[in-house]
Structures are given as C-alpha cells and as structure tokens.
Amino acid sequence: MKRGVVHVEPKGSVINEICSLYDQLSEGERSIADYVMAHPSDIASMTTREIAHASATSAASVSRFARRLGYESFSALRSALLRDERAFDSKGDISVISLDSPRAALETVLMVKNRELTDTLSLLKEDEVAHAARMLEHSVSITFAAVGNTIPSALSASFLLAQLGLRCNCAPTTEAMMLDSLSLTPHDVIVFLSKSGHSKRLNKMMDNAIDSDTPTIVITNQPGSPLARRATCVLHAATHDKVLNPDMPFSHNSINYIIEVLFLLLSSDIPNFRAHAGLLWKALGEDKGVPGEVF
C-alpha cells in the first residue's frame, strides 16, 4: 500500500485553487478571491492595481494573493485564469443569486456545477480510479466514513454500492463510524469522504485502519491533507462551492460524481450484477409501482 507517500497532484483551475484555500485566506485575500470568482472573464484585461481598487485592497496584496495560490506572479495567475476560461468556454461572469431572478440563478448554478465537474475530470488520475474500483470489488466489506454534512453523501454511496451485491456499511453518526473502524481487517476497505481531509475524528479512524492494515480510499478536495497523505488511494475532487456561497460549504457535487463513476465501473465488471439487481427489484419493486424495472 502507498501510505506515507506525499501525492503530487496537478493543479486544478484557478477557481478550484481559490475555493480549496478560501477558509485559510486573510480578510483582504478573501476580498480579492471574491472579486476574481465573480468576474473571472474580466481579470485577463485588468492590471494588478485595477483589481486592487475593485477589491478595496492593495497591489501588494494582489501579488501576495497570487503567490498564496502557488503562482510565481499575478501575471502567471492571470494567464492560468485565461486558459481556464477558454477551456470552460465561459459565457460571462457569475450572476448574483437572488429570488428576484430565479432564471439567472438556475443558469449560474448550472454553469458553476459544469465547471466543477470538468475540473474534477482534469484532476482525477485514471489509474487511481481503476485502482479504487478494484479495491472495492475485491473487498470483503466496505465501510464509509464522513463527518458533518458529508454523512448523507456517505450513506447514499453505501446504499448505491450495496445494490451491486457488495457488503457495504455506513453508520449514521461519526461516533458509530469510529466504532466500526475498530473492527476492520486487511480484507476490508474503508472509504473516507472528506472535502478538507483535516477532520481529527477521520484521521483517528485512519490510524485505526493503518493499525489493522486495512486498505483506504480518500475522496477529497485536498490531496495534500493529513488524511490523503496516508491513504492507499486518493481521488481528487474539485470544489467550486465558494463561487456560489462563500460563507458555508454545501455541495458534494464532485464527490457524488466520483461515487457514481465507481458505481458504473463496478456494475460493468461484476459478473452477477444483473441477477442481484433482479432479486433486489423482486423484493422492492412493488414500492416503485413499475413492474419489471431495475433501478
């Protein structure tokens, strides 16, 4: 297993890098970040001083902001953002989401979600996706672990993969997940869903997994986080949450995308999937009201 190895990941889009680091930025840096995320198509034609004026900061702050994101200069950041806008086939800036303009809100959210999934696709490594699928397919049991508002995604992932005939478990609370992590074996797999990868409770579960020599999969926005650095397999998901709501992380769009890809890869490879799905529908189909349909 590849524990202890620092995973060197490709950089995502500028917006992804901003969203990933947003909570760690200073107040001034957040002002710059907010302006860049709201006006990505304008940045290519703006000077450092103009951006500083628009964000009520200073030219020096703009330069420091660029370096904070890992770019040598603001010019390098601007070039990367211009490349991103071309790749995303941008149609303009982000609209303010308001009940007064629901159509604009629908279009803005769709645009941001499409960008996020495109970004995730560019960050994912094909061999790691295949590795994760094989780990899940050949495990005796699969345990899912998450905290906070990611727990519903973990519960959904567990139910989804269980439909394939895989033995899956996701406890309803992080405390119960901690108990489950004490019973892991080398023949099991534990899947961590963690946007930040810094949760102390999840990292304690990782300690338990390592102690029992259990393979681990981490799906995260932070491949350099403590949780990801110790994983057997890391799947890098982009995040554009802060573009739509800088105050609270709310979306698991890219994490769910990765889970659904794994589900479809497994459904194409598990020999008895159709037979198992038929049995499942026979047991639960009446509740759906559509005889013969396999869901």
C-alpha atoms as a PDB file:
ATOM      1  CA  MET A   1       0.000   0.000   0.000  1.00  0.00           C
ATOM      2  CA  LYS A   2       1.150   3.541  -0.758  1.00  0.00           C
ATOM      3  CA  ARG A   3       0.899   5.015   2.716  1.00  0.00           C
ATOM      4  CA  GLY A   4       3.392   7.643   3.768  1.00  0.00           C
ATOM      5  CA  VAL A   5       3.844   8.887   0.216  1.00  0.00           C
ATOM      6  CA  VAL A   6       3.156  12.556  -0.494  1.00  0.00           C
ATOM      7  CA  HIS A   7       0.857  12.612  -3.506  1.00  0.00           C
ATOM      8  CA  VAL A   8       1.984  15.199  -6.057  1.00  0.00           C
ATOM      9  CA  GLU A   9      -1.194  16.360  -7.719  1.00  0.00           C
ATOM     10  CA  PRO A  10      -1.735  18.530 -10.780  1.00  0.00           C
ATOM     11  CA  LYS A  11      -3.122  21.991 -10.098  1.00  0.00           C
ATOM     12  CA  GLY A  12      -6.761  22.420 -10.856  1.00  0.00           C
ATOM     13  CA  SER A  13      -8.283  25.586 -12.238  1.00  0.00           C
ATOM     14  CA  VAL A  14      -7.590  28.911 -10.553  1.00  0.00           C
ATOM     15  CA  ILE A  15     -11.143  28.897  -9.178  1.00  0.00           C
ATOM     16  CA  ASN A  16     -10.620  25.445  -7.682  1.00  0.00           C
ATOM     17  CA  GLU A  17      -7.394  26.564  -6.011  1.00  0.00           C
ATOM     18  CA  ILE A  18      -9.155  29.619  -4.582  1.00  0.00           C
ATOM     19  CA  CYS A  19     -12.079  27.563  -3.264  1.00  0.00           C
ATOM     20  CA  SER A  20      -9.756  24.959  -1.748  1.00  0.00           C
ATOM     21  CA  LEU A  21      -7.797  27.596   0.189  1.00  0.00           C
ATOM     22  CA  TYR A  22     -10.600  30.089   0.812  1.00  0.00           C
ATOM     23  CA  ASP A  23     -11.108  29.375   4.514  1.00  0.00           C
ATOM     24  CA  GLN A  24      -7.377  29.823   5.141  1.00  0.00           C
ATOM     25  CA  LEU A  25      -7.172  33.239   3.454  1.00  0.00           C
ATOM     26  CA  SER A  26      -6.943  36.565   5.268  1.00  0.00           C
ATOM     27  CA  GLU A  27      -9.810  39.054   5.067  1.00  0.00           C
ATOM     28  CA  GLY A  28      -8.029  41.054   2.366  1.00  0.00           C
ATOM     29  CA  GLU A  29      -7.204  37.928   0.376  1.00  0.00           C
ATOM     30  CA  ARG A  30     -10.842  36.867   0.559  1.00  0.00           C
ATOM     31  CA  SER A  31     -11.894  40.213  -0.894  1.00  0.00           C
ATOM     32  CA  ILE A  32      -9.593  39.593  -3.857  1.00  0.00           C
ATOM     33  CA  ALA A  33     -10.795  35.999  -4.132  1.00  0.00           C
ATOM     34  CA  ASP A  34     -14.443  37.095  -4.130  1.00  0.00           C
ATOM     35  CA  TYR A  35     -13.776  39.568  -6.934  1.00  0.00           C
ATOM     36  CA  VAL A  36     -11.839  37.061  -9.041  1.00  0.00           C
ATOM     37  CA  MET A  37     -14.526  34.403  -8.644  1.00  0.00           C
ATOM     38  CA  ALA A  38     -17.314  36.842  -9.507  1.00  0.00           C
ATOM     39  CA  HIS A  39     -15.533  38.339 -12.548  1.00  0.00           C
ATOM     40  CA  PRO A  40     -13.231  35.645 -13.991  1.00  0.00           C
ATOM     41  CA  SER A  41     -13.651  36.797 -17.587  1.00  0.00           C
ATOM     42  CA  ASP A  42     -12.651  40.386 -16.723  1.00  0.00           C
ATOM     43  CA  ILE A  43      -9.382  39.559 -14.971  1.00  0.00           C
ATOM     44  CA  ALA A  44      -7.464  38.907 -18.201  1.00  0.00           C
ATOM     45  CA  SER A  45      -7.701  42.571 -19.164  1.00  0.00           C
ATOM     46  CA  MET A  46      -7.143  44.084 -15.712  1.00  0.00           C
ATOM     47  CA  THR A  47      -3.937  45.251 -14.081  1.00  0.00           C
ATOM     48  CA  THR A  48      -2.908  44.421 -10.536  1.00  0.00           C
ATOM     49  CA  ARG A  49      -3.725  47.988  -9.494  1.00  0.00           C
ATOM     50  CA  GLU A  50      -7.204  47.823 -11.054  1.00  0.00           C
ATOM     51  CA  ILE A  51      -8.007  44.585  -9.250  1.00  0.00           C
ATOM     52  CA  ALA A  52      -6.720  46.078  -6.000  1.00  0.00           C
ATOM     53  CA  HIS A  53      -9.028  49.069  -6.452  1.00  0.00           C
ATOM     54  CA  ALA A  54     -12.029  46.878  -7.334  1.00  0.00           C
ATOM     55  CA  SER A  55     -11.472  44.653  -4.283  1.00  0.00           C
ATOM     56  CA  ALA A  56     -10.595  47.522  -1.899  1.00  0.00           C
ATOM     57  CA  THR A  57      -7.125  46.128  -1.250  1.00  0.00           C
ATOM     58  CA  SER A  58      -3.606  46.994  -2.450  1.00  0.00           C
ATOM     59  CA  ALA A  59      -1.464  45.966  -5.409  1.00  0.00           C
ATOM     60  CA  ALA A  60       0.931  44.271  -2.979  1.00  0.00           C
ATOM     61  CA  SER A  61      -1.984  42.256  -1.565  1.00  0.00           C
ATOM     62  CA  VAL A  62      -2.946  41.101  -5.047  1.00  0.00           C
ATOM     63  CA  SER A  63       0.619  39.929  -5.686  1.00  0.00           C
ATOM     64  CA  ARG A  64       0.726  38.096  -2.339  1.00  0.00           C
ATOM     65  CA  PHE A  65      -2.634  36.511  -3.146  1.00  0.00           C
ATOM     66  CA  ALA A  66      -1.240  35.088  -6.398  1.00  0.00           C
ATOM     67  CA  ARG A  67       1.763  33.616  -4.592  1.00  0.00           C
ATOM     68  CA  ARG A  68      -0.521  32.197  -1.905  1.00  0.00           C
ATOM     69  CA  LEU A  69      -2.251  30.187  -4.638  1.00  0.00           C
ATOM     70  CA  GLY A  70       1.109  28.852  -5.815  1.00  0.00           C
ATOM     71  CA  TYR A  71       1.708  31.141  -8.801  1.00  0.00           C
ATOM     72  CA  GLU A  72       5.004  32.976  -9.282  1.00  0.00           C
ATOM     73  CA  SER A  73       3.239  36.249 -10.016  1.00  0.00           C
ATOM     74  CA  PHE A  74      -0.161  37.720 -10.681  1.00  0.00           C
ATOM     75  CA  SER A  75       0.681  37.623 -14.380  1.00  0.00           C
ATOM     76  CA  ALA A  76       1.048  33.832 -14.126  1.00  0.00           C
ATOM     77  CA  LEU A  77      -2.273  33.573 -12.289  1.00  0.00           C
ATOM     78  CA  ARG A  78      -3.955  35.762 -14.920  1.00  0.00           C
ATOM     79  CA  SER A  79      -2.603  33.565 -17.732  1.00  0.00           C
ATOM     80  CA  ALA A  80      -3.851  30.443 -15.976  1.00  0.00           C
ATOM     81  CA  LEU A  81      -7.282  32.011 -15.449  1.00  0.00           C
ATOM     82  CA  LEU A  82      -7.478  32.991 -19.122  1.00  0.00           C
ATOM     83  CA  ARG A  83      -6.623  29.405 -20.097  1.00  0.00           C
ATOM     84  CA  ASP A  84      -9.331  28.138 -17.757  1.00  0.00           C
ATOM     85  CA  GLU A  85     -11.954  30.468 -19.188  1.00  0.00           C
ATOM     86  CA  ARG A  86     -11.180  29.219 -22.687  1.00  0.00           C
ATOM     87  CA  ALA A  87     -11.309  25.590 -21.543  1.00  0.00           C
ATOM     88  CA  PHE A  88     -14.646  26.148 -19.808  1.00  0.00           C
ATOM     89  CA  ASP A  89     -15.996  28.006 -22.846  1.00  0.00           C
ATOM     90  CA  SER A  90     -17.059  30.763 -20.491  1.00  0.00           C
ATOM     91  CA  LYS A  91     -20.153  32.769 -21.360  1.00  0.00           C
ATOM     92  CA  GLY A  92     -19.568  35.582 -18.873  1.00  0.00           C
ATOM     93  CA  ASP A  93     -19.328  36.396 -15.209  1.00  0.00           C
ATOM     94  CA  ILE A  94     -21.210  34.859 -12.313  1.00  0.00           C
ATOM     95  CA  SER A  95     -24.667  36.349 -11.735  1.00  0.00           C
ATOM     96  CA  VAL A  96     -25.798  37.334  -8.262  1.00  0.00           C
ATOM     97  CA  ILE A  97     -28.193  34.680  -6.999  1.00  0.00           C
ATOM     98  CA  SER A  98     -31.482  36.272  -5.952  1.00  0.00           C
ATOM     99  CA  LEU A  99     -35.136  35.310  -5.620  1.00  0.00           C
ATOM    100  CA  ASP A 100     -35.838  38.275  -7.859  1.00  0.00           C
ATOM    101  CA  SER A 101     -34.130  36.483 -10.742  1.00  0.00           C
ATOM    102  CA  PRO A 102     -34.623  32.710 -10.481  1.00  0.00           C
ATOM    103  CA  ARG A 103     -33.736  32.081 -14.136  1.00  0.00           C
ATOM    104  CA  ALA A 104     -30.334  33.719 -13.700  1.00  0.00           C
ATOM    105  CA  ALA A 105     -29.816  31.645 -10.549  1.00  0.00           C
ATOM    106  CA  LEU A 106     -30.602  28.422 -12.399  1.00  0.00           C
ATOM    107  CA  GLU A 107     -28.172  29.288 -15.183  1.00  0.00           C
ATOM    108  CA  THR A 108     -25.418  30.381 -12.791  1.00  0.00           C
ATOM    109  CA  VAL A 109     -25.622  27.243 -10.656  1.00  0.00           C
ATOM    110  CA  LEU A 110     -25.611  25.060 -13.773  1.00  0.00           C
ATOM    111  CA  MET A 111     -22.538  26.849 -15.125  1.00  0.00           C
ATOM    112  CA  VAL A 112     -20.635  26.519 -11.850  1.00  0.00           C
ATOM    113  CA  LYS A 113     -21.573  22.843 -11.473  1.00  0.00           C
ATOM    114  CA  ASN A 114     -20.452  22.092 -15.020  1.00  0.00           C
ATOM    115  CA  ARG A 115     -17.144  23.831 -14.373  1.00  0.00           C
ATOM    116  CA  GLU A 116     -16.669  21.900 -11.143  1.00  0.00           C
ATOM    117  CA  LEU A 117     -17.209  18.525 -12.828  1.00  0.00           C
ATOM    118  CA  THR A 118     -14.920  19.474 -15.725  1.00  0.00           C
ATOM    119  CA  ASP A 119     -12.282  20.498 -13.184  1.00  0.00           C
ATOM    120  CA  THR A 120     -12.708  17.206 -11.310  1.00  0.00           C
ATOM    121  CA  LEU A 121     -12.230  15.252 -14.520  1.00  0.00           C
ATOM    122  CA  SER A 122      -8.928  17.047 -15.148  1.00  0.00           C
ATOM    123  CA  LEU A 123      -7.709  16.295 -11.607  1.00  0.00           C
ATOM    124  CA  LEU A 124      -8.607  12.611 -11.458  1.00  0.00           C
ATOM    125  CA  LYS A 125      -5.956  10.052 -12.373  1.00  0.00           C
ATOM    126  CA  GLU A 126      -7.328   7.201 -14.449  1.00  0.00           C
ATOM    127  CA  ASP A 127      -5.146   4.578 -12.779  1.00  0.00           C
ATOM    128  CA  GLU A 128      -6.279   5.700  -9.320  1.00  0.00           C
ATOM    129  CA  VAL A 129      -9.958   5.488 -10.340  1.00  0.00           C
ATOM    130  CA  ALA A 130      -9.421   1.955 -11.669  1.00  0.00           C
ATOM    131  CA  HIS A 131      -7.411   1.059  -8.554  1.00  0.00           C
ATOM    132  CA  ALA A 132     -10.227   2.262  -6.299  1.00  0.00           C
ATOM    133  CA  ALA A 133     -12.824   0.263  -8.254  1.00  0.00           C
ATOM    134  CA  ARG A 134     -10.774  -2.933  -7.984  1.00  0.00           C
ATOM    135  CA  MET A 135     -10.223  -2.387  -4.259  1.00  0.00           C
ATOM    136  CA  LEU A 136     -13.971  -2.091  -3.736  1.00  0.00           C
ATOM    137  CA  GLU A 137     -14.821  -5.065  -5.946  1.00  0.00           C
ATOM    138  CA  HIS A 138     -12.434  -7.456  -4.192  1.00  0.00           C
ATOM    139  CA  SER A 139     -13.070  -6.388  -0.604  1.00  0.00           C
ATOM    140  CA  VAL A 140     -14.981  -8.495   1.893  1.00  0.00           C
ATOM    141  CA  SER A 141     -16.763  -5.403   3.191  1.00  0.00           C
ATOM    142  CA  ILE A 142     -16.751  -1.656   2.551  1.00  0.00           C
ATOM    143  CA  THR A 143     -17.083   0.916   5.325  1.00  0.00           C
ATOM    144  CA  PHE A 144     -17.828   4.576   4.612  1.00  0.00           C
ATOM    145  CA  ALA A 145     -16.686   7.379   6.897  1.00  0.00           C
ATOM    146  CA  ALA A 146     -17.509  11.098   6.902  1.00  0.00           C
ATOM    147  CA  VAL A 147     -18.356  13.978   9.217  1.00  0.00           C
ATOM    148  CA  GLY A 148     -20.937  16.769   9.264  1.00  0.00           C
ATOM    149  CA  ASN A 149     -22.996  17.405   6.144  1.00  0.00           C
ATOM    150  CA  THR A 150     -20.936  14.865   4.172  1.00  0.00           C
ATOM    151  CA  ILE A 151     -22.543  11.990   6.098  1.00  0.00           C
ATOM    152  CA  PRO A 152     -25.660  11.934   3.843  1.00  0.00           C
ATOM    153  CA  SER A 153     -23.369  11.514   0.806  1.00  0.00           C
ATOM    154  CA  ALA A 154     -21.621   8.638   2.564  1.00  0.00           C
ATOM    155  CA  LEU A 155     -24.969   6.977   3.382  1.00  0.00           C
ATOM    156  CA  SER A 156     -26.074   7.384  -0.228  1.00  0.00           C
ATOM    157  CA  ALA A 157     -22.788   5.940  -1.521  1.00  0.00           C
ATOM    158  CA  SER A 158     -23.123   2.936   0.771  1.00  0.00           C
ATOM    159  CA  PHE A 159     -26.672   2.218  -0.430  1.00  0.00           C
ATOM    160  CA  LEU A 160     -25.687   2.710  -4.076  1.00  0.00           C
ATOM    161  CA  LEU A 161     -22.790   0.239  -3.979  1.00  0.00           C
ATOM    162  CA  ALA A 162     -24.782  -2.237  -1.874  1.00  0.00           C
ATOM    163  CA  GLN A 163     -27.162  -2.574  -4.841  1.00  0.00           C
ATOM    164  CA  LEU A 164     -24.268  -4.227  -6.676  1.00  0.00           C
ATOM    165  CA  GLY A 165     -24.182  -7.036  -4.127  1.00  0.00           C
ATOM    166  CA  LEU A 166     -21.208  -5.581  -2.273  1.00  0.00           C
ATOM    167  CA  ARG A 167     -21.287  -5.701   1.515  1.00  0.00           C
ATOM    168  CA  CYS A 168     -21.385  -2.021   2.492  1.00  0.00           C
ATOM    169  CA  ASN A 169     -21.826  -0.240   5.777  1.00  0.00           C
ATOM    170  CA  CYS A 170     -22.205   3.412   6.720  1.00  0.00           C
ATOM    171  CA  ALA A 171     -23.105   4.213  10.314  1.00  0.00           C
ATOM    172  CA  PRO A 172     -25.447   7.196  10.815  1.00  0.00           C
ATOM    173  CA  THR A 173     -23.056   9.080  13.106  1.00  0.00           C
ATOM    174  CA  THR A 174     -19.325   9.703  13.137  1.00  0.00           C
ATOM    175  CA  GLU A 175     -19.136   8.190  16.629  1.00  0.00           C
ATOM    176  CA  ALA A 176     -20.621   4.916  15.341  1.00  0.00           C
ATOM    177  CA  MET A 177     -18.238   5.044  12.356  1.00  0.00           C
ATOM    178  CA  MET A 178     -15.375   5.283  14.843  1.00  0.00           C
ATOM    179  CA  LEU A 179     -16.569   2.059  16.486  1.00  0.00           C
ATOM    180  CA  ASP A 180     -16.752   0.343  13.092  1.00  0.00           C
ATOM    181  CA  SER A 181     -13.172   1.378  12.335  1.00  0.00           C
ATOM    182  CA  LEU A 182     -12.020  -0.657  15.342  1.00  0.00           C
ATOM    183  CA  SER A 183     -13.267  -3.868  13.707  1.00  0.00           C
ATOM    184  CA  LEU A 184     -11.609  -3.507  10.288  1.00  0.00           C
ATOM    185  CA  THR A 185      -9.482  -6.277   8.760  1.00  0.00           C
ATOM    186  CA  PRO A 186      -6.929  -6.390   5.916  1.00  0.00           C
ATOM    187  CA  HIS A 187      -9.675  -7.829   3.696  1.00  0.00           C
ATOM    188  CA  ASP A 188     -11.955  -4.805   4.093  1.00  0.00           C
ATOM    189  CA  VAL A 189     -11.822  -1.300   2.606  1.00  0.00           C
ATOM    190  CA  ILE A 190     -12.705   1.970   4.314  1.00  0.00           C
ATOM    191  CA  VAL A 191     -13.727   4.912   2.126  1.00  0.00           C
ATOM    192  CA  PHE A 192     -13.306   8.401   3.563  1.00  0.00           C
ATOM    193  CA  LEU A 193     -15.355  11.233   2.085  1.00  0.00           C
ATOM    194  CA  SER A 194     -13.758  14.454   3.294  1.00  0.00           C
ATOM    195  CA  LYS A 195     -13.585  17.768   1.478  1.00  0.00           C
ATOM    196  CA  SER A 196     -10.853  19.157   3.744  1.00  0.00           C
ATOM    197  CA  GLY A 197      -9.097  15.955   4.836  1.00  0.00           C
ATOM    198  CA  HIS A 198      -8.309  17.577   8.194  1.00  0.00           C
ATOM    199  CA  SER A 199     -11.011  16.120  10.463  1.00  0.00           C
ATOM    200  CA  LYS A 200      -9.435  14.853  13.683  1.00  0.00           C
ATOM    201  CA  ARG A 201     -12.043  12.116  14.003  1.00  0.00           C
ATOM    202  CA  LEU A 202     -11.497  10.867  10.458  1.00  0.00           C
ATOM    203  CA  ASN A 203      -7.753  10.943  10.954  1.00  0.00           C
ATOM    204  CA  LYS A 204      -8.196   8.849  14.103  1.00  0.00           C
ATOM    205  CA  MET A 205     -10.185   6.347  12.006  1.00  0.00           C
ATOM    206  CA  MET A 206      -7.287   6.369   9.534  1.00  0.00           C
ATOM    207  CA  ASP A 207      -4.987   5.478  12.456  1.00  0.00           C
ATOM    208  CA  ASN A 208      -7.251   2.510  13.215  1.00  0.00           C
ATOM    209  CA  ALA A 209      -7.251   1.434   9.558  1.00  0.00           C
ATOM    210  CA  ILE A 210      -3.464   1.581   9.392  1.00  0.00           C
ATOM    211  CA  ASP A 211      -3.190  -0.401  12.642  1.00  0.00           C
ATOM    212  CA  SER A 212      -5.364  -3.160  11.129  1.00  0.00           C
ATOM    213  CA  ASP A 213      -3.603  -2.943   7.719  1.00  0.00           C
ATOM    214  CA  THR A 214      -6.904  -2.068   6.043  1.00  0.00           C
ATOM    215  CA  PRO A 215      -6.740  -0.510   2.543  1.00  0.00           C
ATOM    216  CA  THR A 216      -8.129   3.026   2.422  1.00  0.00           C
ATOM    217  CA  ILE A 217      -9.677   5.263  -0.244  1.00  0.00           C
ATOM    218  CA  VAL A 218      -9.904   9.003   0.323  1.00  0.00           C
ATOM    219  CA  ILE A 219     -12.114  11.219  -1.864  1.00  0.00           C
ATOM    220  CA  THR A 220     -11.165  14.801  -1.086  1.00  0.00           C
ATOM    221  CA  ASN A 221     -10.640  18.341  -2.344  1.00  0.00           C
ATOM    222  CA  GLN A 222      -7.293  18.441  -0.506  1.00  0.00           C
ATOM    223  CA  PRO A 223      -4.859  15.749  -1.763  1.00  0.00           C
ATOM    224  CA  GLY A 224      -2.116  17.227   0.428  1.00  0.00           C
ATOM    225  CA  SER A 225      -4.179  16.913   3.621  1.00  0.00           C
ATOM    226  CA  PRO A 226      -3.153  14.641   6.542  1.00  0.00           C
ATOM    227  CA  LEU A 227      -5.912  12.157   5.667  1.00  0.00           C
ATOM    228  CA  ALA A 228      -4.991  11.912   1.983  1.00  0.00           C
ATOM    229  CA  ARG A 229      -1.244  11.655   2.578  1.00  0.00           C
ATOM    230  CA  ARG A 230      -1.749   8.382   4.435  1.00  0.00           C
ATOM    231  CA  ALA A 231      -4.277   6.802   2.066  1.00  0.00           C
ATOM    232  CA  THR A 232      -3.834   3.762  -0.139  1.00  0.00           C
ATOM    233  CA  CYS A 233      -5.721   5.502  -2.942  1.00  0.00           C
ATOM    234  CA  VAL A 234      -6.597   9.201  -3.351  1.00  0.00           C
ATOM    235  CA  LEU A 235      -9.300  10.568  -5.674  1.00  0.00           C
ATOM    236  CA  HIS A 236      -9.032  14.338  -6.104  1.00  0.00           C
ATOM    237  CA  ALA A 237     -12.369  16.160  -6.390  1.00  0.00           C
ATOM    238  CA  ALA A 238     -12.604  19.819  -7.376  1.00  0.00           C
ATOM    239  CA  THR A 239     -14.680  22.271  -5.367  1.00  0.00           C
ATOM    240  CA  HIS A 240     -16.356  25.469  -6.548  1.00  0.00           C
ATOM    241  CA  ASP A 241     -18.652  25.925  -3.531  1.00  0.00           C
ATOM    242  CA  LYS A 242     -17.276  29.327  -2.626  1.00  0.00           C
ATOM    243  CA  VAL A 243     -18.230  30.763  -6.007  1.00  0.00           C
ATOM    244  CA  LEU A 244     -21.885  30.391  -5.068  1.00  0.00           C
ATOM    245  CA  ASN A 245     -21.763  30.780  -1.288  1.00  0.00           C
ATOM    246  CA  PRO A 246     -18.505  31.852   0.387  1.00  0.00           C
ATOM    247  CA  ASP A 247     -19.939  31.515   3.899  1.00  0.00           C
ATOM    248  CA  MET A 248     -20.703  27.797   4.066  1.00  0.00           C
ATOM    249  CA  PRO A 249     -19.632  24.654   2.179  1.00  0.00           C
ATOM    250  CA  PHE A 250     -22.785  22.957   0.960  1.00  0.00           C
ATOM    251  CA  SER A 251     -22.217  20.935  -2.204  1.00  0.00           C
ATOM    252  CA  HIS A 252     -20.932  17.411  -2.735  1.00  0.00           C
ATOM    253  CA  ASN A 253     -21.383  17.564  -6.486  1.00  0.00           C
ATOM    254  CA  SER A 254     -17.898  16.327  -7.431  1.00  0.00           C
ATOM    255  CA  ILE A 255     -17.734  13.710  -4.674  1.00  0.00           C
ATOM    256  CA  ASN A 256     -21.079  12.261  -5.814  1.00  0.00           C
ATOM    257  CA  TYR A 257     -19.816  12.297  -9.413  1.00  0.00           C
ATOM    258  CA  ILE A 258     -16.825  10.161  -8.426  1.00  0.00           C
ATOM    259  CA  ILE A 259     -19.020   7.735  -6.474  1.00  0.00           C
ATOM    260  CA  GLU A 260     -21.390   7.350  -9.419  1.00  0.00           C
ATOM    261  CA  VAL A 261     -18.479   6.702 -11.798  1.00  0.00           C
ATOM    262  CA  LEU A 262     -17.201   3.998  -9.453  1.00  0.00           C
ATOM    263  CA  PHE A 263     -20.701   2.503  -9.293  1.00  0.00           C
ATOM    264  CA  LEU A 264     -20.964   2.324 -13.084  1.00  0.00           C
ATOM    265  CA  LEU A 265     -17.454   0.898 -13.468  1.00  0.00           C
ATOM    266  CA  LEU A 266     -18.277  -1.801 -10.938  1.00  0.00           C
ATOM    267  CA  SER A 267     -21.671  -2.559 -12.494  1.00  0.00           C
ATOM    268  CA  SER A 268     -19.899  -3.202 -15.801  1.00  0.00           C
ATOM    269  CA  ASP A 269     -17.446  -5.640 -14.227  1.00  0.00           C
ATOM    270  CA  ILE A 270     -19.304  -7.567 -11.512  1.00  0.00           C
ATOM    271  CA  PRO A 271     -20.483 -10.824 -13.160  1.00  0.00           C
ATOM    272  CA  ASN A 272     -23.674 -11.366 -11.151  1.00  0.00           C
ATOM    273  CA  PHE A 273     -24.819  -7.741 -11.031  1.00  0.00           C
ATOM    274  CA  ARG A 274     -27.914  -8.232 -13.194  1.00  0.00           C
ATOM    275  CA  ALA A 275     -29.024 -11.282 -11.237  1.00  0.00           C
ATOM    276  CA  HIS A 276     -28.579  -9.421  -7.952  1.00  0.00           C
ATOM    277  CA  ALA A 277     -30.411  -6.378  -9.310  1.00  0.00           C
ATOM    278  CA  GLY A 278     -33.275  -8.659 -10.382  1.00  0.00           C
ATOM    279  CA  LEU A 279     -33.557 -10.091  -6.873  1.00  0.00           C
ATOM    280  CA  LEU A 280     -33.464  -6.620  -5.407  1.00  0.00           C
ATOM    281  CA  TRP A 281     -36.238  -5.435  -7.694  1.00  0.00           C
ATOM    282  CA  LYS A 282     -38.298  -8.538  -6.902  1.00  0.00           C
ATOM    283  CA  ALA A 283     -38.081  -7.626  -3.222  1.00  0.00           C
ATOM    284  CA  LEU A 284     -38.641  -3.872  -3.519  1.00  0.00           C
ATOM    285  CA  GLY A 285     -40.215  -3.321  -6.930  1.00  0.00           C
ATOM    286  CA  GLU A 286     -43.806  -3.096  -5.738  1.00  0.00           C
ATOM    287  CA  ASP A 287     -42.942   0.088  -3.841  1.00  0.00           C
ATOM    288  CA  LYS A 288     -41.910   1.705  -7.143  1.00  0.00           C
ATOM    289  CA  GLY A 289     -45.080   0.804  -8.993  1.00  0.00           C
ATOM    290  CA  VAL A 290     -43.291  -0.081 -12.230  1.00  0.00           C
ATOM    291  CA  PRO A 291     -43.199  -3.904 -12.610  1.00  0.00           C
ATOM    292  CA  GLY A 292     -40.030  -5.293 -14.155  1.00  0.00           C
ATOM    293  CA  GLU A 293     -37.962  -2.126 -13.847  1.00  0.00           C
ATOM    294  CA  VAL A 294     -34.496  -2.456 -12.366  1.00  0.00           C
ATOM    295  CA  PHE A 295     -33.411   0.646 -10.512  1.00  0.00           C
END
